[in-house]
Amino acid sequence: MTEEKEEYEFDMPHFDEEEFIAEQKKKAKSSFISFGFGILMGIICSAIWVSLGDSPLKWPVTFLLGICSIGFLIKIFQFFKIDISTFERKDWLGTGAFYFFTFLAFFIISINPPFYDGSPPVIDTFALPGAQEIGGHTVLTAKITDNVGLSDTHIEIFTPSGATINGSLINDGNHMYFYDFMNKENITGMFTYRITSEDSNGNEAAENGNFTYREDIIHIPEYQQGQSLSRLDEIKIRVKELGIDKNNMRVFYTVNNGEEINASYSGEDTYAGEYIYTSSPDRIGWTTGFVTVEVFVEVIHYFVLPADVNQTVRTSHGRIIDNQNYSFFVESIGSLPSPDIDLPQPQTLQRVPGFGILSLVIAVVLLGVLKRKRKF
């Protein structure tokens, strides 16, 4: 007995072309409406953001308004006679996401240059040195940054006598500005200064600072001046407060205008508030016989750029004023090299790691999901 196999017939499903075209038109129309509404809400929220000025509420108000406006899409679809009865969850999620990212993109673009600039320049300033000898010059430095560009930058200096000096800063082309101040009247006391900067859109910022002119900031005690020295005799160099950390400065001297010899930090005089540095003729650079010694301090400051600025403070007994120097008679010398001074070095800007790797991982995962879906 043989069984006859039933022959299977495949029925082609009915394809309603008109229904398919109508459905695609509805999706396209809803996408265009979501896109347009996202642009409109981005512009509206940016106008509200600008009108709120410096209020801390401007971010939460505009952001929440953009999110809550998703609910208006239903009414807008009904106004344009779009049948939303057949919308599934994935349709609403896609439409909402399309609107939100359109809104977010146009909102962020419209509150940033070149469409809007509400941020004044940022000024970071420092005086090098914070205290200077009569006859020396002080470099007033500033790092000034802005997200658009600067139109005007100037400085005002107020002397202890009440006079005002107006000047222009020199730009090195890397956000750094300098003003070289010479105390021509040899006034002692505290000077104050104010740096004002305005960007291309009229936003203005100002920053204040101060520096001091004093006598005998760097000096060798009188009891040591002019004495006879042997190779093991110690000389002391006393440095008054310079308005900068001692780790950011180098004390050195020259013998008969020769090579630089670094002095070693030996502590702080708590009574006088001075830093004490020592050295001796045991260092290479000294010569026997009558010698003249001139003492210097190099100070350094790093901005976040990073950029470094340094300035040298000379003694009031040095060649800046009247060529008077410290005199000694040296009986014997040594052969030790000048000690090394480890001044701080500029640090590069640290970037937050991992975002590039995270993006790569997400891309690989998405690619794997798509491949698997295609294969299935």
Protein backbone atom coordinates (compact mmCIF):
# COMPACT_ATOMS: atom_id res chain seq x y z
CA MET A 1 0.00 0.00 0.00
CA THR A 2 1.45 3.29 -1.03
CA GLU A 3 0.74 6.62 0.45
CA GLU A 4 0.34 9.51 -1.83
CA LYS A 5 2.15 12.65 -0.68
CA GLU A 6 0.11 15.75 -0.59
CA GLU A 7 1.56 18.46 -2.76
CA TYR A 8 2.13 21.76 -0.86
CA GLU A 9 1.09 24.91 -2.60
CA PHE A 10 2.63 28.25 -1.54
CA ASP A 11 0.18 31.13 -1.46
CA MET A 12 1.79 34.50 -2.17
CA PRO A 13 0.63 36.94 0.52
CA HIS A 14 -1.38 39.82 -0.72
CA PHE A 15 0.64 43.03 -1.02
CA ASP A 16 -1.37 46.20 -0.73
CA GLU A 17 0.73 48.75 -2.57
CA GLU A 18 -1.52 51.68 -1.74
CA GLU A 19 -1.47 50.85 1.98
CA PHE A 20 2.34 50.51 1.92
CA ILE A 21 2.79 53.88 0.19
CA ALA A 22 0.37 55.56 2.60
CA GLU A 23 2.26 54.12 5.59
CA GLN A 24 5.64 55.32 4.30
CA LYS A 25 4.22 58.76 3.59
CA LYS A 26 2.90 58.93 7.14
CA LYS A 27 6.31 58.00 8.58
CA ALA A 28 8.10 60.53 6.38
CA LYS A 29 5.61 63.25 7.28
CA SER A 30 5.90 62.53 11.01
CA SER A 31 9.73 62.62 10.73
CA PHE A 32 9.67 66.00 8.99
CA ILE A 33 7.29 67.37 11.61
CA SER A 34 9.49 66.05 14.45
CA PHE A 35 12.55 67.58 12.81
CA GLY A 36 10.89 70.96 12.32
CA PHE A 37 9.46 70.99 15.83
CA GLY A 38 12.90 70.12 17.23
CA ILE A 39 14.42 73.12 15.41
CA LEU A 40 11.64 75.40 16.66
CA MET A 41 12.03 74.29 20.29
CA GLY A 42 15.83 74.60 20.03
CA ILE A 43 15.46 78.25 18.97
CA ILE A 44 12.80 78.99 21.62
CA CYS A 45 14.85 77.42 24.42
CA SER A 46 18.00 79.25 23.34
CA ALA A 47 16.10 82.57 23.49
CA ILE A 48 14.90 81.71 27.00
CA TRP A 49 18.45 80.66 27.96
CA VAL A 50 19.84 84.02 26.83
CA SER A 51 17.07 86.04 28.56
CA LEU A 52 17.74 84.34 31.92
CA GLY A 53 21.29 85.77 31.97
CA ASP A 54 23.40 84.43 34.83
CA SER A 55 20.50 82.74 36.60
CA PRO A 56 21.37 79.21 37.81
CA LEU A 57 17.93 78.10 36.63
CA LYS A 58 18.53 78.68 32.93
CA TRP A 59 19.96 75.22 32.26
CA PRO A 60 17.27 73.16 34.08
CA VAL A 61 14.43 75.37 32.78
CA THR A 62 15.42 75.19 29.11
CA PHE A 63 16.40 71.52 29.22
CA LEU A 64 13.18 70.41 30.95
CA LEU A 65 11.11 72.54 28.57
CA GLY A 66 12.74 70.81 25.61
CA ILE A 67 12.02 67.35 27.05
CA CYS A 68 8.43 68.07 28.15
CA SER A 69 7.60 69.52 24.73
CA ILE A 70 7.69 65.99 23.33
CA GLY A 71 4.07 65.69 24.49
CA PHE A 72 3.01 68.41 22.02
CA LEU A 73 3.89 66.10 19.14
CA ILE A 74 0.58 64.27 19.53
CA LYS A 75 -1.42 67.47 19.08
CA ILE A 76 0.77 68.56 16.17
CA PHE A 77 0.27 65.19 14.43
CA GLN A 78 -3.48 65.51 14.91
CA PHE A 79 -3.38 69.07 13.54
CA PHE A 80 -1.66 67.80 10.38
CA LYS A 81 -4.19 64.92 10.24
CA ILE A 82 -1.71 62.12 10.76
CA ASP A 83 -3.35 58.89 11.89
CA ILE A 84 -1.53 57.96 15.10
CA SER A 85 -3.86 55.10 15.99
CA THR A 86 -1.52 52.64 14.28
CA PHE A 87 1.62 53.97 15.98
CA GLU A 88 3.41 51.28 17.93
CA ARG A 89 5.84 51.75 20.81
CA LYS A 90 8.85 51.66 18.49
CA ASP A 91 7.26 54.37 16.34
CA TRP A 92 6.81 56.68 19.34
CA LEU A 93 10.33 55.97 20.60
CA GLY A 94 11.84 56.71 17.20
CA THR A 95 9.80 59.88 16.74
CA GLY A 96 10.60 61.12 20.26
CA ALA A 97 14.30 60.39 19.88
CA PHE A 98 14.41 62.11 16.48
CA TYR A 99 12.76 65.21 17.96
CA PHE A 100 14.95 65.28 21.09
CA PHE A 101 18.32 65.00 19.33
CA THR A 102 17.26 67.59 16.75
CA PHE A 103 16.23 69.94 19.57
CA LEU A 104 19.46 69.30 21.49
CA ALA A 105 21.68 69.89 18.45
CA PHE A 106 20.08 73.19 17.46
CA PHE A 107 19.87 74.35 21.08
CA ILE A 108 23.60 73.81 21.68
CA ILE A 109 24.55 75.37 18.35
CA SER A 110 22.42 78.48 18.93
CA ILE A 111 23.88 79.26 22.41
CA ASN A 112 27.48 79.07 21.25
CA PRO A 113 29.60 81.17 18.89
CA PRO A 114 29.21 82.36 16.25
CA PHE A 115 25.47 82.69 17.00
CA TYR A 116 25.81 83.77 20.64
CA ASP A 117 28.64 84.62 23.02
CA GLY A 118 27.80 85.30 26.66
CA SER A 119 31.18 84.47 28.18
CA PRO A 120 33.67 87.23 29.06
CA PRO A 121 37.42 86.64 28.70
CA VAL A 122 39.17 84.61 31.41
CA ILE A 123 42.19 86.35 32.93
CA ASP A 124 44.91 84.73 35.03
CA THR A 125 47.62 87.19 36.09
CA PHE A 126 50.87 87.12 38.04
CA ALA A 127 53.62 89.64 38.86
CA LEU A 128 57.19 88.46 38.47
CA PRO A 129 58.66 89.04 40.93
CA GLY A 130 56.09 89.90 43.58
CA ALA A 131 58.75 92.04 45.26
CA GLN A 132 61.56 93.82 43.44
CA GLU A 133 64.64 95.89 44.25
CA ILE A 134 64.81 99.60 43.50
CA GLY A 135 66.20 99.86 39.99
CA GLY A 136 64.87 96.48 38.87
CA HIS A 137 61.92 95.87 36.56
CA THR A 138 58.78 93.81 37.17
CA VAL A 139 57.10 91.76 34.45
CA LEU A 140 53.32 91.79 34.80
CA THR A 141 52.05 88.72 33.01
CA ALA A 142 48.59 87.48 32.14
CA LYS A 143 47.10 84.51 30.36
CA ILE A 144 43.91 85.74 28.67
CA THR A 145 41.60 83.37 26.81
CA ASP A 146 38.24 83.81 25.13
CA ASN A 147 36.00 81.58 23.02
CA VAL A 148 35.65 84.20 20.26
CA GLY A 149 38.57 86.61 20.24
CA LEU A 150 39.81 89.73 22.02
CA SER A 151 39.26 93.25 20.73
CA ASP A 152 40.95 95.30 23.47
CA THR A 153 43.32 94.59 26.37
CA HIS A 154 45.00 97.24 28.53
CA ILE A 155 46.57 97.69 31.95
CA GLU A 156 46.37 100.36 34.66
CA ILE A 157 49.08 100.62 37.33
CA PHE A 158 48.44 102.56 40.55
CA THR A 159 51.60 103.71 42.36
CA PRO A 160 51.92 104.24 46.14
CA SER A 161 52.07 107.99 45.49
CA GLY A 162 48.59 107.92 43.90
CA ALA A 163 49.62 108.26 40.27
CA THR A 164 48.04 106.11 37.53
CA ILE A 165 50.02 104.65 34.64
CA ASN A 166 48.12 103.40 31.59
CA GLY A 167 49.74 100.96 29.22
CA SER A 168 49.24 98.30 26.57
CA LEU A 169 50.21 94.69 26.99
CA ILE A 170 52.37 92.83 24.50
CA ASN A 171 50.86 89.60 23.15
CA ASP A 172 53.21 86.72 22.33
CA GLY A 173 50.56 85.10 20.10
CA ASN A 174 49.85 82.24 22.54
CA HIS A 175 47.28 83.81 24.90
CA MET A 176 50.14 85.30 26.96
CA TYR A 177 50.34 89.06 27.59
CA PHE A 178 53.22 91.01 29.14
CA TYR A 179 53.94 94.47 30.52
CA ASP A 180 57.48 95.34 31.54
CA PHE A 181 57.30 97.88 34.37
CA MET A 182 60.29 100.04 35.30
CA ASN A 183 60.11 101.95 38.57
CA LYS A 184 61.69 105.08 37.12
CA GLU A 185 60.90 107.24 40.15
CA ASN A 186 62.42 104.68 42.56
CA ILE A 187 59.27 104.63 44.72
CA THR A 188 59.10 102.03 47.49
CA GLY A 189 55.86 100.43 48.65
CA MET A 190 53.01 98.41 47.17
CA PHE A 191 51.86 98.95 43.60
CA THR A 192 48.50 97.64 42.40
CA TYR A 193 47.45 96.96 38.82
CA ARG A 194 44.31 96.12 36.92
CA ILE A 195 44.16 94.26 33.60
CA THR A 196 40.98 94.76 31.56
CA SER A 197 40.08 92.74 28.49
CA GLU A 198 37.11 92.90 26.13
CA ASP A 199 36.14 90.33 23.53
CA SER A 200 34.76 90.87 20.04
CA ASN A 201 31.14 90.77 21.30
CA GLY A 202 31.63 93.39 24.02
CA ASN A 203 31.93 91.05 27.02
CA GLU A 204 34.44 92.55 29.47
CA ALA A 205 36.50 91.08 32.31
CA ALA A 206 39.06 92.55 34.70
CA GLU A 207 41.59 91.12 37.14
CA ASN A 208 43.64 92.87 39.84
CA GLY A 209 47.10 92.18 41.22
CA ASN A 210 49.88 93.81 43.19
CA PHE A 211 53.66 93.90 43.59
CA THR A 212 56.12 95.65 45.88
CA TYR A 213 59.37 97.59 45.60
CA ARG A 214 61.72 97.38 48.60
CA GLU A 215 65.36 97.84 49.40
CA ASP A 216 67.80 95.08 50.25
CA ILE A 217 65.56 92.22 49.15
CA ILE A 218 68.72 90.23 48.51
CA HIS A 219 71.71 90.95 50.70
CA ILE A 220 74.74 89.48 52.36
CA PRO A 221 74.91 90.41 56.08
CA GLU A 222 77.18 93.34 56.84
CA TYR A 223 79.40 91.34 59.17
CA GLN A 224 80.43 89.16 56.24
CA GLN A 225 81.03 91.91 53.72
CA GLY A 226 84.67 92.60 52.89
CA GLN A 227 86.14 89.81 55.01
CA SER A 228 88.81 87.35 53.98
CA LEU A 229 87.52 83.92 52.94
CA SER A 230 89.11 80.51 52.69
CA ARG A 231 87.63 77.66 50.65
CA LEU A 232 85.59 76.31 53.59
CA ASP A 233 84.25 79.63 54.87
CA GLU A 234 80.51 79.95 54.43
CA ILE A 235 78.80 83.07 53.17
CA LYS A 236 75.10 83.66 53.78
CA ILE A 237 72.71 85.18 51.29
CA ARG A 238 69.45 86.44 52.76
CA VAL A 239 66.36 86.79 50.54
CA LYS A 240 63.22 88.59 51.65
CA GLU A 241 59.71 87.41 50.76
CA LEU A 242 59.20 87.71 46.99
CA GLY A 243 55.55 86.71 46.79
CA ILE A 244 56.43 83.33 45.31
CA ASP A 245 57.14 79.86 46.70
CA LYS A 246 60.83 79.22 47.41
CA ASN A 247 60.61 76.07 45.27
CA ASN A 248 59.90 78.31 42.27
CA MET A 249 63.07 80.38 42.57
CA ARG A 250 66.82 79.96 42.16
CA VAL A 251 69.40 81.97 44.12
CA PHE A 252 72.74 82.30 42.38
CA TYR A 253 75.72 84.64 42.22
CA THR A 254 78.67 85.52 40.02
CA VAL A 255 82.29 86.15 40.98
CA ASN A 256 84.00 88.88 38.94
CA ASN A 257 81.11 88.70 36.43
CA GLY A 258 81.98 85.08 35.72
CA GLU A 259 79.80 81.99 35.46
CA GLU A 260 76.73 81.48 37.59
CA ILE A 261 77.09 79.57 40.88
CA ASN A 262 73.94 78.28 42.59
CA ALA A 263 73.52 78.81 46.34
CA SER A 264 72.00 76.11 48.56
CA TYR A 265 68.83 76.68 50.58
CA SER A 266 69.61 76.45 54.31
CA GLY A 267 66.37 77.37 56.01
CA GLU A 268 64.22 80.31 56.98
CA ASP A 269 64.78 83.01 59.57
CA THR A 270 61.46 82.95 61.40
CA TYR A 271 62.22 86.26 63.13
CA ALA A 272 63.08 88.26 60.00
CA GLY A 273 60.94 86.21 57.58
CA GLU A 274 63.83 85.76 55.18
CA TYR A 275 65.10 82.73 53.27
CA ILE A 276 68.73 81.86 53.95
CA TYR A 277 71.03 80.47 51.24
CA THR A 278 74.67 79.53 51.67
CA SER A 279 77.77 78.97 49.54
CA SER A 280 81.56 79.10 49.83
CA PRO A 281 84.75 79.54 47.73
CA ASP A 282 84.86 75.75 47.60
CA ARG A 283 82.79 76.01 44.38
CA ILE A 284 84.21 76.22 40.88
CA GLY A 285 84.08 79.84 39.69
CA TRP A 286 85.82 81.49 42.62
CA THR A 287 89.30 82.96 42.19
CA THR A 288 91.90 83.95 44.75
CA GLY A 289 92.68 87.54 45.61
CA PHE A 290 90.26 90.45 45.66
CA VAL A 291 86.91 89.55 44.08
CA THR A 292 83.48 91.14 43.63
CA VAL A 293 80.32 89.11 44.12
CA GLU A 294 76.88 89.95 42.75
CA VAL A 295 73.81 88.02 43.89
CA PHE A 296 70.65 87.23 41.90
CA VAL A 297 67.32 85.46 42.32
CA GLU A 298 65.53 83.90 39.36
CA VAL A 299 61.81 83.41 39.93
CA ILE A 300 59.52 81.35 37.72
CA HIS A 301 55.77 80.89 37.40
CA TYR A 302 53.82 78.47 35.22
CA PHE A 303 50.39 79.13 33.83
CA VAL A 304 48.04 76.33 32.81
CA LEU A 305 48.86 76.71 29.09
CA PRO A 306 51.46 75.52 30.03
CA ALA A 307 53.62 78.56 29.54
CA ASP A 308 56.47 79.71 31.69
CA VAL A 309 57.64 83.19 32.58
CA ASN A 310 60.80 83.92 34.52
CA GLN A 311 62.39 87.07 35.86
CA THR A 312 65.64 87.89 37.63
CA VAL A 313 65.89 90.03 40.77
CA ARG A 314 69.24 91.74 41.22
CA THR A 315 70.74 93.16 44.39
CA SER A 316 70.48 96.89 44.99
CA HIS A 317 74.27 96.82 45.43
CA GLY A 318 74.73 95.39 41.94
CA ARG A 319 75.43 97.00 38.62
CA ILE A 320 71.82 98.09 38.09
CA ILE A 321 72.15 101.04 40.49
CA ASP A 322 75.73 102.23 40.78
CA ASN A 323 78.05 99.27 40.13
CA GLN A 324 78.76 98.69 43.81
CA ASN A 325 79.34 95.03 44.59
CA TYR A 326 80.17 92.85 47.57
CA SER A 327 83.93 92.67 47.93
CA PHE A 328 85.94 89.81 49.44
CA PHE A 329 89.53 88.69 49.65
CA VAL A 330 89.73 84.98 48.85
CA GLU A 331 92.66 83.05 50.23
CA SER A 332 91.93 79.58 48.78
CA ILE A 333 89.40 77.98 46.48
CA GLY A 334 87.99 74.49 45.89
CA SER A 335 86.89 72.43 42.92
CA LEU A 336 83.28 71.46 43.69
CA PRO A 337 80.78 72.11 40.89
CA SER A 338 77.81 74.39 41.34
CA PRO A 339 74.94 72.47 43.02
CA ASP A 340 72.02 71.52 40.81
CA ILE A 341 68.72 73.28 41.47
CA ASP A 342 65.60 71.39 40.43
CA LEU A 343 63.13 74.06 39.42
CA PRO A 344 59.61 72.83 38.62
CA GLN A 345 58.86 72.10 34.98
CA PRO A 346 55.68 72.92 33.06
CA GLN A 347 53.08 70.19 33.11
CA THR A 348 51.17 69.22 30.01
CA LEU A 349 47.40 69.43 30.11
CA GLN A 350 45.96 66.11 31.25
CA ARG A 351 43.17 64.76 29.12
CA VAL A 352 40.60 62.37 30.51
CA PRO A 353 41.51 58.97 29.04
CA GLY A 354 39.16 56.30 27.88
CA PHE A 355 36.64 58.12 25.72
CA GLY A 356 38.32 57.04 22.49
CA ILE A 357 38.54 53.44 23.68
CA LEU A 358 34.92 53.54 24.89
CA SER A 359 33.75 54.76 21.48
CA LEU A 360 35.71 51.98 19.78
CA VAL A 361 34.19 49.33 22.06
CA ILE A 362 30.65 50.62 21.42
CA ALA A 363 31.27 50.64 17.66
CA VAL A 364 32.59 47.04 17.73
CA VAL A 365 29.61 45.86 19.79
CA LEU A 366 27.12 47.53 17.44
CA LEU A 367 28.89 46.04 14.43
CA GLY A 368 28.71 42.58 16.00
CA VAL A 369 25.00 42.96 16.74
CA LEU A 370 24.27 44.07 13.18
CA LYS A 371 26.24 41.16 11.70
CA ARG A 372 24.50 38.66 13.92
CA LYS A 373 21.11 40.11 13.06
CA ARG A 374 21.89 39.93 9.35
CA LYS A 375 23.08 36.34 9.62
CA PHE A 376 19.94 35.36 11.53
